[in-house]
Amino acid sequence: MASWMTFASLLLIGIAPATENEEAPVVSQRVDLIELNHFVDEDGREVFRQVIFYDWSKTHRRFHVRAWRLVKHESQIPQRRWNPTRYQCTWHDDGLLRQVSAPQLRETWTQQDPERVNRALLPEDQRIPLFVPKTARAEAAPRRR
């Protein structure tokens, strides 16, 4: 009976989903500006919220979008941090805890999507990726012999 209980316990441990208390690996990135954009319709009603991450281009003397994501939960809204002073967005993605921080935050309400407008200045295929894609991380990892 005891061996069956041990086997059942090990089986449950092996298939139990990760809990929120377990720490996911953290991947951090810094940008120059985070924008919390409220896209509104012609009546001023919010259609969606998005967070847009920018870097400053010294060459072009303007901000260029690196990435964006829809805000699906209140916890994804940028938060003020104090030590060191910064704004930070945090979310879980693909088994990782992603954190993006910036020294500046702006909040906008627009009827034009700022990320799409920025594509005219810097096409998507020329953006610096915010995070290295999973396949590139795997290829860059040192191989064991």
Protein backbone atom coordinates (compact mmCIF):
# COMPACT_ATOMS: atom_id res chain seq x y z
CA MET A 1 0.00 0.00 0.00
CA ALA A 2 2.81 2.40 0.93
CA SER A 3 4.61 1.83 -2.39
CA TRP A 4 1.40 2.54 -4.29
CA MET A 5 0.98 5.81 -2.35
CA THR A 6 4.59 6.76 -3.11
CA PHE A 7 4.08 5.99 -6.80
CA ALA A 8 0.84 8.00 -6.88
CA SER A 9 2.54 10.94 -5.15
CA LEU A 10 5.43 10.92 -7.61
CA LEU A 11 3.02 10.68 -10.51
CA LEU A 12 1.02 13.64 -9.25
CA ILE A 13 4.15 15.70 -8.68
CA GLY A 14 5.32 14.99 -12.21
CA ILE A 15 2.08 16.05 -13.89
CA ALA A 16 0.97 18.85 -11.61
CA PRO A 17 0.79 22.23 -13.37
CA ALA A 18 3.12 24.97 -12.22
CA THR A 19 1.62 27.19 -9.57
CA GLU A 20 1.76 30.96 -9.45
CA ASN A 21 4.14 30.69 -6.49
CA GLU A 22 6.76 28.95 -8.62
CA GLU A 23 9.16 31.38 -10.20
CA ALA A 24 9.40 31.45 -13.98
CA PRO A 25 12.70 32.43 -15.61
CA VAL A 26 12.84 36.23 -16.01
CA VAL A 27 13.79 37.89 -19.28
CA SER A 28 14.37 41.64 -18.96
CA GLN A 29 14.77 44.38 -21.53
CA ARG A 30 15.19 48.16 -21.37
CA VAL A 31 13.72 50.67 -23.81
CA ASP A 32 13.72 54.47 -23.89
CA LEU A 33 9.95 54.99 -23.69
CA ILE A 34 6.83 52.99 -22.87
CA GLU A 35 3.51 54.28 -24.18
CA LEU A 36 0.16 53.21 -22.78
CA ASN A 37 -2.19 53.92 -25.67
CA HIS A 38 -5.98 53.95 -25.41
CA PHE A 39 -7.41 53.56 -28.90
CA VAL A 40 -10.83 55.22 -28.92
CA ASP A 41 -13.69 55.35 -31.42
CA GLU A 42 -15.28 58.52 -32.78
CA ASP A 43 -17.46 58.77 -29.65
CA GLY A 44 -14.45 58.58 -27.34
CA ARG A 45 -15.17 55.02 -26.19
CA GLU A 46 -12.15 52.84 -25.62
CA VAL A 47 -11.82 50.10 -28.24
CA PHE A 48 -8.56 48.59 -26.90
CA ARG A 49 -5.45 49.42 -24.90
CA GLN A 50 -1.95 48.62 -25.97
CA VAL A 51 1.55 49.07 -24.64
CA ILE A 52 4.12 50.27 -27.16
CA PHE A 53 7.87 50.06 -26.55
CA TYR A 54 10.17 52.64 -28.19
CA ASP A 55 13.87 53.39 -28.56
CA TRP A 56 15.23 56.82 -29.43
CA SER A 57 16.93 57.10 -32.82
CA LYS A 58 19.79 59.60 -32.63
CA THR A 59 20.11 59.49 -36.41
CA HIS A 60 16.45 60.33 -37.11
CA ARG A 61 15.88 62.28 -33.88
CA ARG A 62 12.62 60.50 -33.05
CA PHE A 63 11.29 57.43 -31.29
CA HIS A 64 11.05 54.16 -33.20
CA VAL A 65 8.76 51.33 -32.17
CA ARG A 66 10.48 48.11 -31.14
CA ALA A 67 7.39 46.14 -30.18
CA TRP A 68 3.83 46.39 -28.90
CA ARG A 69 1.27 44.21 -27.17
CA LEU A 70 -2.40 44.44 -26.36
CA VAL A 71 -3.28 44.92 -22.72
CA LYS A 72 -5.36 41.88 -21.83
CA HIS A 73 -5.23 42.24 -18.06
CA GLU A 74 -4.78 45.15 -15.64
CA SER A 75 -1.52 43.61 -14.38
CA GLN A 76 0.06 44.35 -17.81
CA ILE A 77 -0.31 48.11 -17.41
CA PRO A 78 3.07 49.80 -16.81
CA GLN A 79 3.84 50.31 -13.13
CA ARG A 80 6.07 52.90 -11.50
CA ARG A 81 9.08 51.42 -9.69
CA TRP A 82 11.20 53.46 -7.31
CA ASN A 83 14.54 51.77 -6.74
CA PRO A 84 15.83 52.48 -9.34
CA THR A 85 13.19 54.87 -10.69
CA ARG A 86 11.59 53.46 -13.83
CA TYR A 87 8.34 52.28 -15.39
CA GLN A 88 7.94 48.56 -15.87
CA CYS A 89 5.62 46.18 -17.72
CA THR A 90 5.52 42.55 -16.69
CA TRP A 91 3.73 39.58 -18.21
CA HIS A 92 3.99 35.81 -18.53
CA ASP A 93 4.69 34.49 -22.01
CA ASP A 94 5.84 31.10 -23.24
CA GLY A 95 6.92 29.93 -19.76
CA LEU A 96 8.91 33.10 -19.12
CA LEU A 97 8.30 36.19 -17.03
CA ARG A 98 8.98 39.11 -19.34
CA GLN A 99 9.85 42.53 -17.95
CA VAL A 100 10.38 45.69 -19.96
CA SER A 101 11.45 48.89 -18.25
CA ALA A 102 11.93 52.48 -19.36
CA PRO A 103 12.81 55.79 -17.72
CA GLN A 104 9.78 57.45 -19.38
CA LEU A 105 6.08 56.69 -19.74
CA ARG A 106 3.47 58.49 -21.78
CA GLU A 107 -0.24 57.80 -21.84
CA THR A 108 -2.23 58.68 -24.95
CA TRP A 109 -5.83 58.53 -26.21
CA THR A 110 -5.93 58.36 -30.01
CA GLN A 111 -8.10 57.46 -32.97
CA GLN A 112 -5.01 56.47 -34.95
CA ASP A 113 -2.84 53.55 -33.92
CA PRO A 114 0.59 55.04 -33.03
CA GLU A 115 2.33 51.74 -33.80
CA ARG A 116 0.91 51.69 -37.33
CA VAL A 117 1.78 55.36 -37.86
CA ASN A 118 5.35 54.59 -36.78
CA ARG A 119 5.58 51.85 -39.46
CA ALA A 120 5.74 54.63 -42.07
CA LEU A 121 8.92 55.88 -40.36
CA LEU A 122 10.47 52.48 -39.69
CA PRO A 123 9.03 49.36 -41.37
CA GLU A 124 8.38 46.35 -39.12
CA ASP A 125 11.13 44.27 -40.73
CA GLN A 126 13.70 46.94 -39.74
CA ARG A 127 12.75 47.06 -36.05
CA ILE A 128 15.12 45.83 -33.40
CA PRO A 129 13.36 42.87 -31.76
CA LEU A 130 12.44 43.41 -28.13
CA PHE A 131 13.28 39.81 -27.24
CA VAL A 132 15.31 37.27 -29.16
CA PRO A 133 12.88 34.71 -30.64
CA LYS A 134 12.86 31.28 -28.99
CA THR A 135 14.42 29.56 -32.02
CA ALA A 136 17.31 32.06 -32.08
CA ARG A 137 17.86 31.54 -28.32
CA ALA A 138 18.08 27.80 -28.86
CA GLU A 139 20.57 28.21 -31.72
CA ALA A 140 22.71 30.64 -29.68
CA ALA A 141 22.82 28.37 -26.62
CA PRO A 142 26.14 26.59 -26.12
CA ARG A 143 26.04 22.95 -27.10
CA ARG A 144 27.12 20.25 -24.68
CA ARG A 145 29.45 17.52 -25.82
